[in-house]
Amino acid sequence: MGGVGRPPKGIGNRRRYGQPTRGEWTDLEDEVLEPVLPVFHRDMTCPQWMWEAWRWDPVTLVYTKADVAFVCELGHRYAEMKHSEQRLRADTLGLTPKGKRDLRWRTPLEKRKQEESAVRATELRRKIRVTAPKEDAA
């Protein structure tokens, strides 16, 4: 028995077509024991408190040498840049919450919250599971 209506659109023309995600989330370490970034240098134009926050951010533990060089350049040229460029570079390096989400880096707090949420959802599904009543064989 055939359905009524128009046939489905081709995959390329559909509004939602289940695009694959960019990969799994990477869980960041809980704390930095040995910072990857160098100590604040007096030639840097970013605020010292900001540099120290970046230096002790767990995201820096996954940096390559090129990433460290990029952060150091950001620290040295910070005052010369427009606010939008500062934000874009910080996002690109994962130094902001948005940057971490875009790079699929998950902090320990986010990991715990997601795991707790999954447990609560499972418990809720178990509680509200509906079963059909048995039919009487009369």
N, C-alpha and C. Protein backbone atom coordinates (compact mmCIF):
# COMPACT_ATOMS: atom_id res chain seq x y z
N MET A 1 0.85 -1.16 0.00
CA MET A 1 0.00 0.00 0.00
C MET A 1 0.90 1.23 0.00
N GLY A 2 0.78 2.05 -0.98
CA GLY A 2 1.63 3.23 -1.15
C GLY A 2 1.19 4.38 -0.28
N GLY A 3 2.16 5.23 0.04
CA GLY A 3 1.87 6.40 0.86
C GLY A 3 1.31 7.52 0.00
N VAL A 4 0.69 8.46 0.64
CA VAL A 4 0.11 9.59 -0.06
C VAL A 4 1.04 10.79 0.14
N GLY A 5 1.20 11.57 -0.88
CA GLY A 5 2.02 12.78 -0.74
C GLY A 5 3.24 12.73 -1.63
N ARG A 6 4.04 13.74 -1.48
CA ARG A 6 5.23 13.85 -2.31
C ARG A 6 6.33 12.92 -1.81
N PRO A 7 7.17 12.46 -2.71
CA PRO A 7 8.28 11.61 -2.29
C PRO A 7 9.31 12.45 -1.52
N PRO A 8 10.12 11.82 -0.69
CA PRO A 8 11.12 12.57 0.06
C PRO A 8 12.15 13.22 -0.85
N LYS A 9 12.69 14.33 -0.39
CA LYS A 9 13.71 15.02 -1.17
C LYS A 9 15.01 14.22 -1.14
N GLY A 10 15.86 14.51 -2.11
CA GLY A 10 17.17 13.87 -2.13
C GLY A 10 17.99 14.30 -0.93
N ILE A 11 18.97 13.51 -0.56
CA ILE A 11 19.75 13.79 0.65
C ILE A 11 20.39 15.17 0.62
N GLY A 12 20.90 15.60 -0.50
CA GLY A 12 21.54 16.91 -0.59
C GLY A 12 20.58 18.07 -0.48
N ASN A 13 19.30 17.84 -0.69
CA ASN A 13 18.30 18.90 -0.66
C ASN A 13 17.48 18.94 0.63
N ARG A 14 17.72 18.02 1.51
CA ARG A 14 16.97 17.98 2.76
C ARG A 14 17.45 19.05 3.71
N ARG A 15 16.56 19.53 4.53
CA ARG A 15 16.92 20.55 5.52
C ARG A 15 17.79 19.94 6.61
N ARG A 16 17.39 18.79 7.12
CA ARG A 16 18.18 18.07 8.13
C ARG A 16 18.55 16.72 7.54
N TYR A 17 19.82 16.49 7.40
CA TYR A 17 20.21 15.23 6.81
C TYR A 17 21.28 14.51 7.62
N GLY A 18 21.27 14.74 8.92
CA GLY A 18 22.14 13.98 9.82
C GLY A 18 23.62 14.13 9.52
N GLN A 19 24.09 15.36 9.46
CA GLN A 19 25.51 15.56 9.20
C GLN A 19 26.33 14.92 10.32
N PRO A 20 27.43 14.32 9.96
CA PRO A 20 28.26 13.70 11.00
C PRO A 20 28.91 14.77 11.88
N THR A 21 29.11 14.42 13.14
CA THR A 21 29.80 15.34 14.04
C THR A 21 31.28 15.30 13.72
N ARG A 22 32.00 16.26 14.27
CA ARG A 22 33.42 16.38 13.98
C ARG A 22 34.28 15.42 14.77
N GLY A 23 33.72 14.58 15.57
CA GLY A 23 34.51 13.65 16.34
C GLY A 23 34.11 13.64 17.80
N GLU A 24 34.82 12.85 18.53
CA GLU A 24 34.53 12.71 19.95
C GLU A 24 35.09 13.88 20.74
N TRP A 25 34.55 14.08 21.93
CA TRP A 25 35.04 15.12 22.83
C TRP A 25 36.34 14.67 23.45
N THR A 26 37.23 15.61 23.68
CA THR A 26 38.48 15.36 24.38
C THR A 26 38.34 15.91 25.79
N ASP A 27 38.55 15.06 26.77
CA ASP A 27 38.44 15.49 28.16
C ASP A 27 39.78 16.09 28.59
N LEU A 28 39.70 17.29 29.14
CA LEU A 28 40.90 17.98 29.61
C LEU A 28 41.25 17.51 31.02
N GLU A 29 42.50 17.68 31.38
CA GLU A 29 42.96 17.34 32.73
C GLU A 29 42.29 18.25 33.74
N ASP A 30 42.29 17.82 34.99
CA ASP A 30 41.65 18.59 36.05
C ASP A 30 42.47 19.81 36.46
N GLU A 31 43.79 19.67 36.49
CA GLU A 31 44.61 20.81 36.89
C GLU A 31 45.97 20.73 36.20
N VAL A 32 46.62 21.87 36.14
CA VAL A 32 47.94 21.97 35.52
C VAL A 32 48.98 21.94 36.64
N LEU A 33 49.86 20.95 36.61
CA LEU A 33 50.91 20.86 37.61
C LEU A 33 52.16 21.61 37.14
N GLU A 34 52.45 21.52 35.86
CA GLU A 34 53.60 22.18 35.27
C GLU A 34 53.12 22.95 34.04
N PRO A 35 53.05 24.30 34.10
CA PRO A 35 52.53 25.08 32.97
C PRO A 35 53.36 24.89 31.70
N VAL A 36 52.67 24.87 30.58
CA VAL A 36 53.31 24.75 29.27
C VAL A 36 53.76 26.13 28.79
N LEU A 37 52.96 27.15 29.09
CA LEU A 37 53.29 28.51 28.65
C LEU A 37 54.38 29.11 29.54
N PRO A 38 55.23 29.95 28.97
CA PRO A 38 56.29 30.59 29.76
C PRO A 38 55.71 31.61 30.74
N VAL A 39 56.56 32.06 31.66
CA VAL A 39 56.12 33.08 32.62
C VAL A 39 55.90 34.39 31.88
N PHE A 40 55.12 35.26 32.51
CA PHE A 40 54.79 36.56 31.93
C PHE A 40 56.07 37.35 31.69
N HIS A 41 56.16 37.95 30.52
CA HIS A 41 57.32 38.76 30.16
C HIS A 41 56.89 40.21 30.11
N ARG A 42 57.75 41.12 30.52
CA ARG A 42 57.39 42.54 30.58
C ARG A 42 57.07 43.14 29.22
N ASP A 43 57.50 42.50 28.13
CA ASP A 43 57.19 43.00 26.78
C ASP A 43 55.77 42.65 26.33
N MET A 44 55.10 41.79 27.08
CA MET A 44 53.75 41.38 26.70
C MET A 44 52.78 42.53 26.96
N THR A 45 51.81 42.67 26.04
CA THR A 45 50.84 43.76 26.17
C THR A 45 49.50 43.30 26.72
N CYS A 46 49.33 42.00 26.89
CA CYS A 46 48.08 41.53 27.51
C CYS A 46 48.21 41.73 29.01
N PRO A 47 47.10 41.85 29.73
CA PRO A 47 47.18 42.00 31.18
C PRO A 47 47.84 40.76 31.81
N GLN A 48 48.63 40.98 32.84
CA GLN A 48 49.34 39.87 33.48
C GLN A 48 48.37 38.85 34.07
N TRP A 49 47.25 39.33 34.66
CA TRP A 49 46.29 38.39 35.24
C TRP A 49 45.70 37.48 34.17
N MET A 50 45.53 38.02 32.94
CA MET A 50 44.98 37.21 31.85
C MET A 50 45.99 36.15 31.43
N TRP A 51 47.26 36.56 31.31
CA TRP A 51 48.30 35.62 30.92
C TRP A 51 48.39 34.48 31.95
N GLU A 52 48.32 34.82 33.23
CA GLU A 52 48.39 33.79 34.27
C GLU A 52 47.20 32.85 34.19
N ALA A 53 46.02 33.38 33.88
CA ALA A 53 44.84 32.53 33.71
C ALA A 53 45.02 31.57 32.54
N TRP A 54 45.56 32.08 31.44
CA TRP A 54 45.82 31.22 30.28
C TRP A 54 46.88 30.18 30.62
N ARG A 55 47.90 30.62 31.33
CA ARG A 55 49.03 29.76 31.65
C ARG A 55 48.60 28.56 32.49
N TRP A 56 47.64 28.75 33.37
CA TRP A 56 47.20 27.68 34.25
C TRP A 56 45.93 27.00 33.77
N ASP A 57 45.47 27.33 32.56
CA ASP A 57 44.27 26.69 32.01
C ASP A 57 44.63 25.29 31.52
N PRO A 58 43.85 24.27 31.90
CA PRO A 58 44.15 22.89 31.47
C PRO A 58 44.20 22.70 29.95
N VAL A 59 43.60 23.59 29.20
CA VAL A 59 43.61 23.45 27.75
C VAL A 59 45.04 23.55 27.20
N THR A 60 45.91 24.25 27.90
CA THR A 60 47.28 24.41 27.40
C THR A 60 48.05 23.09 27.40
N LEU A 61 47.58 22.10 28.15
CA LEU A 61 48.27 20.81 28.19
C LEU A 61 48.19 20.05 26.87
N VAL A 62 47.25 20.41 26.01
CA VAL A 62 47.13 19.74 24.72
C VAL A 62 47.77 20.55 23.59
N TYR A 63 48.42 21.65 23.94
CA TYR A 63 49.05 22.51 22.93
C TYR A 63 50.31 21.88 22.34
N THR A 64 50.52 22.15 21.07
CA THR A 64 51.77 21.81 20.40
C THR A 64 52.71 23.01 20.52
N LYS A 65 53.94 22.87 20.04
CA LYS A 65 54.88 23.99 20.07
C LYS A 65 54.36 25.16 19.25
N ALA A 66 53.69 24.87 18.15
CA ALA A 66 53.13 25.93 17.30
C ALA A 66 52.01 26.67 18.04
N ASP A 67 51.20 25.94 18.80
CA ASP A 67 50.14 26.58 19.58
C ASP A 67 50.73 27.51 20.64
N VAL A 68 51.78 27.06 21.29
CA VAL A 68 52.44 27.89 22.31
C VAL A 68 52.98 29.16 21.67
N ALA A 69 53.58 29.03 20.49
CA ALA A 69 54.10 30.22 19.79
C ALA A 69 52.96 31.18 19.44
N PHE A 70 51.81 30.63 19.04
CA PHE A 70 50.66 31.45 18.68
C PHE A 70 50.12 32.20 19.91
N VAL A 71 50.09 31.54 21.06
CA VAL A 71 49.63 32.19 22.30
C VAL A 71 50.62 33.28 22.70
N CYS A 72 51.91 32.99 22.57
CA CYS A 72 52.92 34.00 22.92
C CYS A 72 52.79 35.22 22.02
N GLU A 73 52.52 35.00 20.74
CA GLU A 73 52.31 36.14 19.84
C GLU A 73 51.08 36.93 20.27
N LEU A 74 50.03 36.23 20.65
CA LEU A 74 48.83 36.90 21.14
C LEU A 74 49.16 37.74 22.37
N GLY A 75 49.95 37.19 23.29
CA GLY A 75 50.33 37.93 24.48
C GLY A 75 51.15 39.17 24.18
N HIS A 76 52.02 39.09 23.18
CA HIS A 76 52.88 40.22 22.83
C HIS A 76 52.14 41.30 22.03
N ARG A 77 51.20 40.89 21.18
CA ARG A 77 50.52 41.84 20.30
C ARG A 77 49.12 42.19 20.76
N TYR A 78 48.73 41.78 21.94
CA TYR A 78 47.36 41.92 22.44
C TYR A 78 46.83 43.35 22.34
N ALA A 79 47.60 44.33 22.77
CA ALA A 79 47.14 45.73 22.78
C ALA A 79 46.98 46.30 21.38
N GLU A 80 47.71 45.77 20.40
CA GLU A 80 47.63 46.26 19.02
C GLU A 80 46.38 45.75 18.30
N MET A 81 45.83 44.67 18.77
CA MET A 81 44.72 44.01 18.07
C MET A 81 43.38 44.64 18.43
N LYS A 82 42.46 44.53 17.49
CA LYS A 82 41.07 44.93 17.77
C LYS A 82 40.46 43.87 18.69
N HIS A 83 39.39 44.25 19.38
CA HIS A 83 38.73 43.31 20.30
C HIS A 83 38.26 42.06 19.57
N SER A 84 37.77 42.22 18.35
CA SER A 84 37.27 41.06 17.62
C SER A 84 38.41 40.10 17.28
N GLU A 85 39.58 40.63 16.96
CA GLU A 85 40.71 39.76 16.66
C GLU A 85 41.23 39.08 17.92
N GLN A 86 41.23 39.80 19.04
CA GLN A 86 41.63 39.19 20.32
C GLN A 86 40.72 38.01 20.64
N ARG A 87 39.41 38.24 20.51
CA ARG A 87 38.44 37.19 20.81
C ARG A 87 38.59 36.01 19.85
N LEU A 88 38.77 36.30 18.57
CA LEU A 88 38.89 35.24 17.58
C LEU A 88 40.11 34.36 17.86
N ARG A 89 41.23 34.99 18.16
CA ARG A 89 42.44 34.21 18.45
C ARG A 89 42.28 33.40 19.74
N ALA A 90 41.68 34.00 20.75
CA ALA A 90 41.47 33.27 22.01
C ALA A 90 40.52 32.09 21.77
N ASP A 91 39.48 32.29 20.97
CA ASP A 91 38.56 31.19 20.63
C ASP A 91 39.30 30.09 19.88
N THR A 92 40.12 30.48 18.91
CA THR A 92 40.86 29.51 18.10
C THR A 92 41.77 28.64 18.96
N LEU A 93 42.31 29.22 20.01
CA LEU A 93 43.22 28.50 20.91
C LEU A 93 42.49 27.75 22.03
N GLY A 94 41.18 27.90 22.11
CA GLY A 94 40.42 27.22 23.16
C GLY A 94 40.55 27.88 24.51
N LEU A 95 40.90 29.17 24.53
CA LEU A 95 41.08 29.88 25.80
C LEU A 95 39.78 30.48 26.33
N THR A 96 38.69 30.34 25.58
CA THR A 96 37.38 30.83 26.01
C THR A 96 36.43 29.63 26.06
N PRO A 97 35.32 29.75 26.79
CA PRO A 97 34.35 28.65 26.79
C PRO A 97 33.87 28.28 25.39
N LYS A 98 33.61 29.30 24.55
CA LYS A 98 33.18 29.03 23.18
C LYS A 98 34.26 28.28 22.40
N GLY A 99 35.50 28.70 22.58
CA GLY A 99 36.61 28.04 21.90
C GLY A 99 36.73 26.58 22.30
N LYS A 100 36.54 26.30 23.59
CA LYS A 100 36.62 24.92 24.05
C LYS A 100 35.51 24.08 23.43
N ARG A 101 34.29 24.64 23.38
CA ARG A 101 33.17 23.89 22.76
C ARG A 101 33.43 23.67 21.27
N ASP A 102 33.91 24.69 20.58
CA ASP A 102 34.17 24.56 19.14
C ASP A 102 35.22 23.49 18.85
N LEU A 103 36.22 23.39 19.72
CA LEU A 103 37.27 22.40 19.54
C LEU A 103 36.91 21.05 20.14
N ARG A 104 35.74 20.98 20.79
CA ARG A 104 35.23 19.77 21.42
C ARG A 104 36.15 19.31 22.55
N TRP A 105 36.61 20.30 23.35
CA TRP A 105 37.40 20.04 24.54
C TRP A 105 36.48 20.22 25.73
N ARG A 106 36.44 19.23 26.61
CA ARG A 106 35.50 19.24 27.72
C ARG A 106 36.25 19.32 29.05
N THR A 107 35.87 20.30 29.86
CA THR A 107 36.49 20.44 31.18
C THR A 107 35.96 19.34 32.11
N PRO A 108 36.69 19.05 33.18
CA PRO A 108 36.21 18.01 34.12
C PRO A 108 34.82 18.33 34.69
N LEU A 109 34.54 19.60 34.96
CA LEU A 109 33.22 19.98 35.47
C LEU A 109 32.13 19.67 34.45
N GLU A 110 32.36 20.00 33.17
CA GLU A 110 31.38 19.70 32.12
C GLU A 110 31.18 18.20 31.98
N LYS A 111 32.26 17.45 32.07
CA LYS A 111 32.17 15.99 31.95
C LYS A 111 31.29 15.43 33.07
N ARG A 112 31.53 15.88 34.32
CA ARG A 112 30.72 15.41 35.45
C ARG A 112 29.25 15.76 35.26
N LYS A 113 28.98 17.00 34.83
CA LYS A 113 27.59 17.42 34.64
C LYS A 113 26.90 16.59 33.56
N GLN A 114 27.59 16.31 32.46
CA GLN A 114 27.00 15.51 31.39
C GLN A 114 26.74 14.08 31.85
N GLU A 115 27.68 13.51 32.61
CA GLU A 115 27.48 12.15 33.12
C GLU A 115 26.31 12.10 34.10
N GLU A 116 26.22 13.10 34.99
CA GLU A 116 25.10 13.15 35.94
C GLU A 116 23.77 13.32 35.21
N SER A 117 23.77 14.12 34.17
CA SER A 117 22.55 14.34 33.39
C SER A 117 22.12 13.05 32.70
N ALA A 118 23.08 12.30 32.18
CA ALA A 118 22.76 11.04 31.52
C ALA A 118 22.19 10.03 32.51
N VAL A 119 22.74 10.00 33.72
CA VAL A 119 22.24 9.09 34.75
C VAL A 119 20.82 9.47 35.13
N ARG A 120 20.58 10.79 35.34
CA ARG A 120 19.21 11.24 35.69
C ARG A 120 18.22 10.91 34.58
N ALA A 121 18.63 11.08 33.33
CA ALA A 121 17.73 10.78 32.21
C ALA A 121 17.40 9.30 32.16
N THR A 122 18.40 8.45 32.42
CA THR A 122 18.16 7.01 32.42
C THR A 122 17.20 6.63 33.54
N GLU A 123 17.42 7.20 34.73
CA GLU A 123 16.53 6.91 35.86
C GLU A 123 15.10 7.37 35.57
N LEU A 124 14.98 8.52 34.96
CA LEU A 124 13.65 9.05 34.63
C LEU A 124 12.95 8.14 33.63
N ARG A 125 13.70 7.68 32.61
CA ARG A 125 13.09 6.78 31.62
C ARG A 125 12.61 5.49 32.28
N ARG A 126 13.37 5.00 33.24
CA ARG A 126 12.97 3.77 33.95
C ARG A 126 11.70 3.99 34.76
N LYS A 127 11.60 5.17 35.37
CA LYS A 127 10.44 5.46 36.20
C LYS A 127 9.16 5.63 35.39
N ILE A 128 9.28 6.24 34.22
CA ILE A 128 8.06 6.54 33.46
C ILE A 128 7.79 5.53 32.35
N ARG A 129 8.54 4.43 32.37
CA ARG A 129 8.32 3.41 31.34
C ARG A 129 6.87 2.93 31.42
N VAL A 130 6.21 3.00 30.32
CA VAL A 130 4.81 2.64 30.26
C VAL A 130 4.69 1.28 29.59
N THR A 131 3.96 0.41 30.22
CA THR A 131 3.72 -0.89 29.59
C THR A 131 2.23 -0.98 29.29
N ALA A 132 1.94 -1.62 28.23
CA ALA A 132 0.53 -1.78 27.83
C ALA A 132 -0.14 -2.77 28.77
N PRO A 133 -1.37 -2.47 29.16
CA PRO A 133 -2.08 -3.41 30.03
C PRO A 133 -2.35 -4.71 29.30
N LYS A 134 -2.32 -5.80 30.06
CA LYS A 134 -2.59 -7.12 29.45
C LYS A 134 -4.06 -7.20 29.09
N GLU A 135 -4.31 -7.76 27.94
CA GLU A 135 -5.71 -7.89 27.51
C GLU A 135 -6.31 -9.11 28.19
N ASP A 136 -7.56 -8.94 28.60
CA ASP A 136 -8.25 -10.06 29.22
C ASP A 136 -8.63 -11.07 28.16
N ALA A 137 -8.41 -12.31 28.48
CA ALA A 137 -8.78 -13.38 27.57
C ALA A 137 -10.20 -13.82 27.91
N ALA A 138 -11.17 -13.02 27.58
CA ALA A 138 -12.53 -13.34 27.96
C ALA A 138 -13.29 -13.95 26.84
